[in-house]
Amino acid sequence: MTIYKPVQDELRRYTFLTEVRYERGYVYLSYKVDEVIKTRRIPYRASIRQLESTIDKIKKEVGFKEMKELRDIKVRKELAKPMMFANVGEEDE
């Protein structure tokens, strides 16, 4: 498999990746760990397994599982709050 442009665009959707760029036959994946920007590179013609294992290593290093759990807790708290409804755009007659 080759990491074509559509695949690179899909990689940009990961929230823990700050930058994905192609340069000289390599795809560079930049991410932030403790406010330090780190970069991993994968060959442009890497296999799917190589790409998945690299993403999994980055997830472990970043602590993605813990970040996701904290984010899910915040979302659940927001959803538990009562909804505020208003008649927006309607005039009182």
PDB file of N, CA and C in Angstrom:
ATOM      1  N   MET A   1       0.838  -1.176   0.000  1.00  0.00           N
ATOM      2  CA  MET A   1       0.000   0.000   0.000  1.00  0.00           C
ATOM      3  C   MET A   1       0.881   1.237   0.000  1.00  0.00           C
ATOM      4  N   THR A   2       0.449   2.210  -0.706  1.00  0.00           N
ATOM      5  CA  THR A   2       1.131   3.496  -0.700  1.00  0.00           C
ATOM      6  C   THR A   2       0.263   4.477   0.053  1.00  0.00           C
ATOM      7  N   ILE A   3       0.891   5.338   0.829  1.00  0.00           N
ATOM      8  CA  ILE A   3       0.143   6.320   1.617  1.00  0.00           C
ATOM      9  C   ILE A   3      -0.132   7.525   0.712  1.00  0.00           C
ATOM     10  N   TYR A   4      -1.179   7.388  -0.093  1.00  0.00           N
ATOM     11  CA  TYR A   4      -1.550   8.435  -1.035  1.00  0.00           C
ATOM     12  C   TYR A   4      -2.163   9.632  -0.303  1.00  0.00           C
ATOM     13  N   LYS A   5      -2.413  10.681  -1.055  1.00  0.00           N
ATOM     14  CA  LYS A   5      -2.958  11.924  -0.509  1.00  0.00           C
ATOM     15  C   LYS A   5      -4.262  11.715   0.261  1.00  0.00           C
ATOM     16  N   PRO A   6      -5.241  10.934  -0.232  1.00  0.00           N
ATOM     17  CA  PRO A   6      -6.473  10.732   0.559  1.00  0.00           C
ATOM     18  C   PRO A   6      -6.197  10.074   1.918  1.00  0.00           C
ATOM     19  N   VAL A   7      -5.249   9.153   1.954  1.00  0.00           N
ATOM     20  CA  VAL A   7      -4.895   8.507   3.232  1.00  0.00           C
ATOM     21  C   VAL A   7      -4.243   9.526   4.160  1.00  0.00           C
ATOM     22  N   GLN A   8      -3.394  10.380   3.621  1.00  0.00           N
ATOM     23  CA  GLN A   8      -2.763  11.423   4.430  1.00  0.00           C
ATOM     24  C   GLN A   8      -3.807  12.380   4.982  1.00  0.00           C
ATOM     25  N   ASP A   9      -4.818  12.702   4.179  1.00  0.00           N
ATOM     26  CA  ASP A   9      -5.897  13.577   4.643  1.00  0.00           C
ATOM     27  C   ASP A   9      -6.688  12.917   5.760  1.00  0.00           C
ATOM     28  N   GLU A  10      -6.915  11.613   5.657  1.00  0.00           N
ATOM     29  CA  GLU A  10      -7.615  10.889   6.722  1.00  0.00           C
ATOM     30  C   GLU A  10      -6.787  10.872   8.004  1.00  0.00           C
ATOM     31  N   LEU A  11      -5.470  10.788   7.880  1.00  0.00           N
ATOM     32  CA  LEU A  11      -4.606  10.806   9.072  1.00  0.00           C
ATOM     33  C   LEU A  11      -4.705  12.136   9.802  1.00  0.00           C
ATOM     34  N   ARG A  12      -4.968  13.206   9.075  1.00  0.00           N
ATOM     35  CA  ARG A  12      -5.093  14.530   9.696  1.00  0.00           C
ATOM     36  C   ARG A  12      -6.308  14.621  10.610  1.00  0.00           C
ATOM     37  N   ARG A  13      -7.252  13.703  10.460  1.00  0.00           N
ATOM     38  CA  ARG A  13      -8.455  13.725  11.292  1.00  0.00           C
ATOM     39  C   ARG A  13      -8.177  13.274  12.721  1.00  0.00           C
ATOM     40  N   TYR A  14      -7.057  12.583  12.957  1.00  0.00           N
ATOM     41  CA  TYR A  14      -6.704  12.189  14.322  1.00  0.00           C
ATOM     42  C   TYR A  14      -6.425  13.446  15.136  1.00  0.00           C
ATOM     43  N   THR A  15      -7.012  13.526  16.316  1.00  0.00           N
ATOM     44  CA  THR A  15      -6.872  14.739  17.119  1.00  0.00           C
ATOM     45  C   THR A  15      -5.490  14.862  17.742  1.00  0.00           C
ATOM     46  N   PHE A  16      -4.786  13.766  17.926  1.00  0.00           N
ATOM     47  CA  PHE A  16      -3.479  13.833  18.571  1.00  0.00           C
ATOM     48  C   PHE A  16      -2.357  14.145  17.588  1.00  0.00           C
ATOM     49  N   LEU A  17      -2.604  14.097  16.286  1.00  0.00           N
ATOM     50  CA  LEU A  17      -1.593  14.457  15.290  1.00  0.00           C
ATOM     51  C   LEU A  17      -1.699  15.946  14.990  1.00  0.00           C
ATOM     52  N   THR A  18      -0.595  16.655  15.121  1.00  0.00           N
ATOM     53  CA  THR A  18      -0.616  18.089  14.844  1.00  0.00           C
ATOM     54  C   THR A  18      -0.321  18.387  13.379  1.00  0.00           C
ATOM     55  N   GLU A  19       0.465  17.507  12.719  1.00  0.00           N
ATOM     56  CA  GLU A  19       0.820  17.772  11.325  1.00  0.00           C
ATOM     57  C   GLU A  19       1.134  16.453  10.621  1.00  0.00           C
ATOM     58  N   VAL A  20       0.688  16.344   9.377  1.00  0.00           N
ATOM     59  CA  VAL A  20       1.019  15.215   8.514  1.00  0.00           C
ATOM     60  C   VAL A  20       1.546  15.806   7.221  1.00  0.00           C
ATOM     61  N   ARG A  21       2.792  15.462   6.857  1.00  0.00           N
ATOM     62  CA  ARG A  21       3.347  16.016   5.627  1.00  0.00           C
ATOM     63  C   ARG A  21       4.156  14.960   4.869  1.00  0.00           C
ATOM     64  N   TYR A  22       4.198  15.111   3.569  1.00  0.00           N
ATOM     65  CA  TYR A  22       4.946  14.214   2.695  1.00  0.00           C
ATOM     66  C   TYR A  22       6.191  14.933   2.217  1.00  0.00           C
ATOM     67  N   GLU A  23       7.330  14.261   2.360  1.00  0.00           N
ATOM     68  CA  GLU A  23       8.576  14.892   1.955  1.00  0.00           C
ATOM     69  C   GLU A  23       9.610  13.822   1.626  1.00  0.00           C
ATOM     70  N   ARG A  24      10.145  13.857   0.424  1.00  0.00           N
ATOM     71  CA  ARG A  24      11.228  12.975  -0.034  1.00  0.00           C
ATOM     72  C   ARG A  24      10.978  11.486   0.210  1.00  0.00           C
ATOM     73  N   GLY A  25       9.806  11.025  -0.132  1.00  0.00           N
ATOM     74  CA  GLY A  25       9.524   9.603  -0.018  1.00  0.00           C
ATOM     75  C   GLY A  25       9.099   9.135   1.356  1.00  0.00           C
ATOM     76  N   TYR A  26       8.929  10.054   2.289  1.00  0.00           N
ATOM     77  CA  TYR A  26       8.489   9.713   3.643  1.00  0.00           C
ATOM     78  C   TYR A  26       7.259  10.534   4.009  1.00  0.00           C
ATOM     79  N   VAL A  27       6.431   9.969   4.854  1.00  0.00           N
ATOM     80  CA  VAL A  27       5.306  10.687   5.428  1.00  0.00           C
ATOM     81  C   VAL A  27       5.660  10.955   6.879  1.00  0.00           C
ATOM     82  N   TYR A  28       5.691  12.223   7.265  1.00  0.00           N
ATOM     83  CA  TYR A  28       6.061  12.621   8.614  1.00  0.00           C
ATOM     84  C   TYR A  28       4.801  12.888   9.442  1.00  0.00           C
ATOM     85  N   LEU A  29       4.714  12.255  10.600  1.00  0.00           N
ATOM     86  CA  LEU A  29       3.592  12.432  11.515  1.00  0.00           C
ATOM     87  C   LEU A  29       4.099  13.168  12.741  1.00  0.00           C
ATOM     88  N   SER A  30       3.627  14.390  12.961  1.00  0.00           N
ATOM     89  CA  SER A  30       4.041  15.188  14.120  1.00  0.00           C
ATOM     90  C   SER A  30       2.951  15.147  15.176  1.00  0.00           C
ATOM     91  N   TYR A  31       3.367  15.069  16.429  1.00  0.00           N
ATOM     92  CA  TYR A  31       2.435  15.024  17.550  1.00  0.00           C
ATOM     93  C   TYR A  31       3.100  15.654  18.758  1.00  0.00           C
ATOM     94  N   LYS A  32       2.295  15.971  19.769  1.00  0.00           N
ATOM     95  CA  LYS A  32       2.779  16.681  20.944  1.00  0.00           C
ATOM     96  C   LYS A  32       2.711  15.773  22.168  1.00  0.00           C
ATOM     97  N   VAL A  33       3.831  15.666  22.895  1.00  0.00           N
ATOM     98  CA  VAL A  33       3.898  14.915  24.148  1.00  0.00           C
ATOM     99  C   VAL A  33       4.485  15.851  25.198  1.00  0.00           C
ATOM    100  N   ASP A  34       3.699  16.165  26.221  1.00  0.00           N
ATOM    101  CA  ASP A  34       4.158  17.064  27.292  1.00  0.00           C
ATOM    102  C   ASP A  34       4.726  18.363  26.737  1.00  0.00           C
ATOM    103  N   GLU A  35       3.981  18.980  25.827  1.00  0.00           N
ATOM    104  CA  GLU A  35       4.336  20.262  25.207  1.00  0.00           C
ATOM    105  C   GLU A  35       5.613  20.192  24.355  1.00  0.00           C
ATOM    106  N   VAL A  36       6.083  19.001  24.028  1.00  0.00           N
ATOM    107  CA  VAL A  36       7.240  18.829  23.150  1.00  0.00           C
ATOM    108  C   VAL A  36       6.745  18.184  21.860  1.00  0.00           C
ATOM    109  N   ILE A  37       7.067  18.799  20.736  1.00  0.00           N
ATOM    110  CA  ILE A  37       6.625  18.267  19.456  1.00  0.00           C
ATOM    111  C   ILE A  37       7.598  17.183  19.008  1.00  0.00           C
ATOM    112  N   LYS A  38       7.054  15.994  18.723  1.00  0.00           N
ATOM    113  CA  LYS A  38       7.855  14.878  18.240  1.00  0.00           C
ATOM    114  C   LYS A  38       7.359  14.492  16.858  1.00  0.00           C
ATOM    115  N   THR A  39       8.239  13.856  16.085  1.00  0.00           N
ATOM    116  CA  THR A  39       7.898  13.467  14.727  1.00  0.00           C
ATOM    117  C   THR A  39       8.335  12.033  14.482  1.00  0.00           C
ATOM    118  N   ARG A  40       7.463  11.286  13.841  1.00  0.00           N
ATOM    119  CA  ARG A  40       7.800   9.939  13.371  1.00  0.00           C
ATOM    120  C   ARG A  40       7.658   9.945  11.864  1.00  0.00           C
ATOM    121  N   ARG A  41       8.466   9.124  11.219  1.00  0.00           N
ATOM    122  CA  ARG A  41       8.358   9.065   9.768  1.00  0.00           C
ATOM    123  C   ARG A  41       8.091   7.625   9.335  1.00  0.00           C
ATOM    124  N   ILE A  42       7.304   7.513   8.279  1.00  0.00           N
ATOM    125  CA  ILE A  42       6.955   6.231   7.694  1.00  0.00           C
ATOM    126  C   ILE A  42       7.299   6.322   6.207  1.00  0.00           C
ATOM    127  N   PRO A  43       7.813   5.256   5.636  1.00  0.00           N
ATOM    128  CA  PRO A  43       8.044   5.290   4.183  1.00  0.00           C
ATOM    129  C   PRO A  43       6.736   5.505   3.428  1.00  0.00           C
ATOM    130  N   TYR A  44       6.802   6.207   2.337  1.00  0.00           N
ATOM    131  CA  TYR A  44       5.627   6.502   1.514  1.00  0.00           C
ATOM    132  C   TYR A  44       4.963   5.211   1.050  1.00  0.00           C
ATOM    133  N   ARG A  45       5.743   4.173   0.830  1.00  0.00           N
ATOM    134  CA  ARG A  45       5.208   2.886   0.373  1.00  0.00           C
ATOM    135  C   ARG A  45       5.084   1.892   1.532  1.00  0.00           C
ATOM    136  N   ALA A  46       4.713   2.366   2.694  1.00  0.00           N
ATOM    137  CA  ALA A  46       4.546   1.507   3.867  1.00  0.00           C
ATOM    138  C   ALA A  46       3.294   0.648   3.729  1.00  0.00           C
ATOM    139  N   SER A  47       3.310  -0.490   4.415  1.00  0.00           N
ATOM    140  CA  SER A  47       2.133  -1.357   4.388  1.00  0.00           C
ATOM    141  C   SER A  47       1.111  -0.847   5.401  1.00  0.00           C
ATOM    142  N   ILE A  48      -0.091  -1.407   5.327  1.00  0.00           N
ATOM    143  CA  ILE A  48      -1.153  -1.016   6.251  1.00  0.00           C
ATOM    144  C   ILE A  48      -0.748  -1.363   7.681  1.00  0.00           C
ATOM    145  N   ARG A  49      -0.122  -2.515   7.862  1.00  0.00           N
ATOM    146  CA  ARG A  49       0.303  -2.932   9.202  1.00  0.00           C
ATOM    147  C   ARG A  49       1.326  -1.980   9.799  1.00  0.00           C
ATOM    148  N   GLN A  50       2.273  -1.510   8.969  1.00  0.00           N
ATOM    149  CA  GLN A  50       3.262  -0.551   9.454  1.00  0.00           C
ATOM    150  C   GLN A  50       2.590   0.742   9.887  1.00  0.00           C
ATOM    151  N   LEU A  51       1.641   1.204   9.098  1.00  0.00           N
ATOM    152  CA  LEU A  51       0.929   2.440   9.422  1.00  0.00           C
ATOM    153  C   LEU A  51       0.124   2.274  10.704  1.00  0.00           C
ATOM    154  N   GLU A  52      -0.603   1.167  10.839  1.00  0.00           N
ATOM    155  CA  GLU A  52      -1.398   0.931  12.041  1.00  0.00           C
ATOM    156  C   GLU A  52      -0.519   0.807  13.276  1.00  0.00           C
ATOM    157  N   SER A  53       0.601   0.096  13.172  1.00  0.00           N
ATOM    158  CA  SER A  53       1.473  -0.061  14.342  1.00  0.00           C
ATOM    159  C   SER A  53       2.097   1.268  14.748  1.00  0.00           C
ATOM    160  N   THR A  54       2.436   2.101  13.771  1.00  0.00           N
ATOM    161  CA  THR A  54       2.988   3.425  14.089  1.00  0.00           C
ATOM    162  C   THR A  54       1.951   4.285  14.787  1.00  0.00           C
ATOM    163  N   ILE A  55       0.714   4.273  14.297  1.00  0.00           N
ATOM    164  CA  ILE A  55      -0.363   5.043  14.925  1.00  0.00           C
ATOM    165  C   ILE A  55      -0.613   4.534  16.340  1.00  0.00           C
ATOM    166  N   ASP A  56      -0.601   3.218  16.537  1.00  0.00           N
ATOM    167  CA  ASP A  56      -0.805   2.653  17.876  1.00  0.00           C
ATOM    168  C   ASP A  56       0.314   3.066  18.833  1.00  0.00           C
ATOM    169  N   LYS A  57       1.554   3.082  18.354  1.00  0.00           N
ATOM    170  CA  LYS A  57       2.683   3.509  19.197  1.00  0.00           C
ATOM    171  C   LYS A  57       2.531   4.978  19.599  1.00  0.00           C
ATOM    172  N   ILE A  58       2.100   5.802  18.642  1.00  0.00           N
ATOM    173  CA  ILE A  58       1.896   7.222  18.942  1.00  0.00           C
ATOM    174  C   ILE A  58       0.781   7.384  19.969  1.00  0.00           C
ATOM    175  N   LYS A  59      -0.313   6.608  19.820  1.00  0.00           N
ATOM    176  CA  LYS A  59      -1.427   6.676  20.772  1.00  0.00           C
ATOM    177  C   LYS A  59      -0.959   6.335  22.181  1.00  0.00           C
ATOM    178  N   LYS A  60      -0.130   5.295  22.313  1.00  0.00           N
ATOM    179  CA  LYS A  60       0.378   4.916  23.631  1.00  0.00           C
ATOM    180  C   LYS A  60       1.272   6.005  24.213  1.00  0.00           C
ATOM    181  N   GLU A  61       2.123   6.567  23.375  1.00  0.00           N
ATOM    182  CA  GLU A  61       3.048   7.599  23.847  1.00  0.00           C
ATOM    183  C   GLU A  61       2.316   8.867  24.279  1.00  0.00           C
ATOM    184  N   VAL A  62       1.277   9.218  23.545  1.00  0.00           N
ATOM    185  CA  VAL A  62       0.512  10.424  23.843  1.00  0.00           C
ATOM    186  C   VAL A  62      -0.420  10.209  25.030  1.00  0.00           C
ATOM    187  N   GLY A  63      -0.846   8.970  25.254  1.00  0.00           N
ATOM    188  CA  GLY A  63      -1.829   8.687  26.296  1.00  0.00           C
ATOM    189  C   GLY A  63      -3.228   8.932  25.786  1.00  0.00           C
ATOM    190  N   PHE A  64      -3.492   8.491  24.569  1.00  0.00           N
ATOM    191  CA  PHE A  64      -4.767   8.756  23.912  1.00  0.00           C
ATOM    192  C   PHE A  64      -5.935   8.151  24.667  1.00  0.00           C
ATOM    193  N   LYS A  65      -5.756   6.960  25.228  1.00  0.00           N
ATOM    194  CA  LYS A  65      -6.856   6.294  25.925  1.00  0.00           C
ATOM    195  C   LYS A  65      -7.327   7.126  27.118  1.00  0.00           C
ATOM    196  N   GLU A  66      -6.378   7.650  27.899  1.00  0.00           N
ATOM    197  CA  GLU A  66      -6.732   8.477  29.054  1.00  0.00           C
ATOM    198  C   GLU A  66      -7.379   9.790  28.615  1.00  0.00           C
ATOM    199  N   MET A  67      -6.835  10.393  27.546  1.00  0.00           N
ATOM    200  CA  MET A  67      -7.413  11.638  27.032  1.00  0.00           C
ATOM    201  C   MET A  67      -8.850  11.413  26.589  1.00  0.00           C
ATOM    202  N   LYS A  68      -9.098  10.304  25.905  1.00  0.00           N
ATOM    203  CA  LYS A  68     -10.436   9.994  25.407  1.00  0.00           C
ATOM    204  C   LYS A  68     -11.405   9.766  26.570  1.00  0.00           C
ATOM    205  N   GLU A  69     -10.962   9.055  27.608  1.00  0.00           N
ATOM    206  CA  GLU A  69     -11.826   8.813  28.757  1.00  0.00           C
ATOM    207  C   GLU A  69     -12.202  10.125  29.448  1.00  0.00           C
ATOM    208  N   LEU A  70     -11.239  11.038  29.619  1.00  0.00           N
ATOM    209  CA  LEU A  70     -11.526  12.334  30.233  1.00  0.00           C
ATOM    210  C   LEU A  70     -12.484  13.152  29.376  1.00  0.00           C
ATOM    211  N   ARG A  71     -12.282  13.112  28.067  1.00  0.00           N
ATOM    212  CA  ARG A  71     -13.151  13.846  27.151  1.00  0.00           C
ATOM    213  C   ARG A  71     -14.574  13.278  27.199  1.00  0.00           C
ATOM    214  N   ASP A  72     -14.688  11.954  27.276  1.00  0.00           N
ATOM    215  CA  ASP A  72     -16.011  11.317  27.348  1.00  0.00           C
ATOM    216  C   ASP A  72     -16.729  11.690  28.642  1.00  0.00           C
ATOM    217  N   ILE A  73     -15.987  11.786  29.748  1.00  0.00           N
ATOM    218  CA  ILE A  73     -16.590  12.184  31.028  1.00  0.00           C
ATOM    219  C   ILE A  73     -17.132  13.605  30.923  1.00  0.00           C
ATOM    220  N   LYS A  74     -16.362  14.506  30.324  1.00  0.00           N
ATOM    221  CA  LYS A  74     -16.815  15.890  30.165  1.00  0.00           C
ATOM    222  C   LYS A  74     -18.064  15.964  29.295  1.00  0.00           C
ATOM    223  N   VAL A  75     -18.104  15.178  28.230  1.00  0.00           N
ATOM    224  CA  VAL A  75     -19.260  15.185  27.337  1.00  0.00           C
ATOM    225  C   VAL A  75     -20.489  14.664  28.067  1.00  0.00           C
ATOM    226  N   ARG A  76     -20.335  13.580  28.842  1.00  0.00           N
ATOM    227  CA  ARG A  76     -21.467  13.037  29.584  1.00  0.00           C
ATOM    228  C   ARG A  76     -22.007  14.039  30.592  1.00  0.00           C
ATOM    229  N   LYS A  77     -21.117  14.799  31.249  1.00  0.00           N
ATOM    230  CA  LYS A  77     -21.560  15.819  32.201  1.00  0.00           C
ATOM    231  C   LYS A  77     -22.355  16.905  31.498  1.00  0.00           C
ATOM    232  N   GLU A  78     -21.888  17.317  30.320  1.00  0.00           N
ATOM    233  CA  GLU A  78     -22.598  18.351  29.570  1.00  0.00           C
ATOM    234  C   GLU A  78     -23.964  17.850  29.102  1.00  0.00           C
ATOM    235  N   LEU A  79     -24.029  16.578  28.699  1.00  0.00           N
ATOM    236  CA  LEU A  79     -25.298  16.032  28.236  1.00  0.00           C
ATOM    237  C   LEU A  79     -26.286  15.840  29.380  1.00  0.00           C
ATOM    238  N   ALA A  80     -25.785  15.675  30.606  1.00  0.00           N
ATOM    239  CA  ALA A  80     -26.661  15.473  31.760  1.00  0.00           C
ATOM    240  C   ALA A  80     -27.329  16.766  32.200  1.00  0.00           C
ATOM    241  N   LYS A  81     -26.758  17.906  31.829  1.00  0.00           N
ATOM    242  CA  LYS A  81     -27.338  19.194  32.195  1.00  0.00           C
ATOM    243  C   LYS A  81     -28.658  19.387  31.457  1.00  0.00           C
ATOM    244  N   PRO A  82     -29.614  20.075  32.091  1.00  0.00           N
ATOM    245  CA  PRO A  82     -30.882  20.318  31.403  1.00  0.00           C
ATOM    246  C   PRO A  82     -30.677  21.253  30.207  1.00  0.00           C
ATOM    247  N   MET A  83     -31.442  20.991  29.169  1.00  0.00           N
ATOM    248  CA  MET A  83     -31.325  21.785  27.945  1.00  0.00           C
ATOM    249  C   MET A  83     -32.079  23.099  28.119  1.00  0.00           C
ATOM    250  N   MET A  84     -31.514  24.145  27.604  1.00  0.00           N
ATOM    251  CA  MET A  84     -32.148  25.455  27.644  1.00  0.00           C
ATOM    252  C   MET A  84     -32.762  25.717  26.269  1.00  0.00           C
ATOM    253  N   PHE A  85     -34.070  25.888  26.239  1.00  0.00           N
ATOM    254  CA  PHE A  85     -34.752  26.139  24.984  1.00  0.00           C
ATOM    255  C   PHE A  85     -35.196  27.596  24.947  1.00  0.00           C
ATOM    256  N   ALA A  86     -35.070  28.196  23.805  1.00  0.00           N
ATOM    257  CA  ALA A  86     -35.490  29.586  23.630  1.00  0.00           C
ATOM    258  C   ALA A  86     -36.100  29.730  22.239  1.00  0.00           C
ATOM    259  N   ASN A  87     -36.981  30.673  22.117  1.00  0.00           N
ATOM    260  CA  ASN A  87     -37.567  30.955  20.826  1.00  0.00           C
ATOM    261  C   ASN A  87     -36.686  31.974  20.106  1.00  0.00           C
ATOM    262  N   VAL A  88     -35.701  31.482  19.431  1.00  0.00           N
ATOM    263  CA  VAL A  88     -34.755  32.340  18.752  1.00  0.00           C
ATOM    264  C   VAL A  88     -35.315  32.699  17.385  1.00  0.00           C
ATOM    265  N   GLY A  89     -35.313  33.958  17.097  1.00  0.00           N
ATOM    266  CA  GLY A  89     -35.785  34.423  15.807  1.00  0.00           C
ATOM    267  C   GLY A  89     -37.264  34.672  15.736  1.00  0.00           C
ATOM    268  N   GLU A  90     -38.007  34.372  16.780  1.00  0.00           N
ATOM    269  CA  GLU A  90     -39.443  34.624  16.783  1.00  0.00           C
ATOM    270  C   GLU A  90     -39.711  35.885  17.593  1.00  0.00           C
ATOM    271  N   GLU A  91     -40.589  36.699  17.066  1.00  0.00           N
ATOM    272  CA  GLU A  91     -40.929  37.927  17.771  1.00  0.00           C
ATOM    273  C   GLU A  91     -42.192  37.732  18.589  1.00  0.00           C
ATOM    274  N   ASP A  92     -42.262  38.414  19.728  1.00  0.00           N
ATOM    275  CA  ASP A  92     -43.470  38.356  20.550  1.00  0.00           C
ATOM    276  C   ASP A  92     -44.548  39.219  19.902  1.00  0.00           C
ATOM    277  N   GLU A  93     -45.740  38.664  19.757  1.00  0.00           N
ATOM    278  CA  GLU A  93     -46.819  39.431  19.148  1.00  0.00           C
ATOM    279  C   GLU A  93     -47.961  39.583  20.094  1.00  0.00           C
TER     280      GLU A  93
END
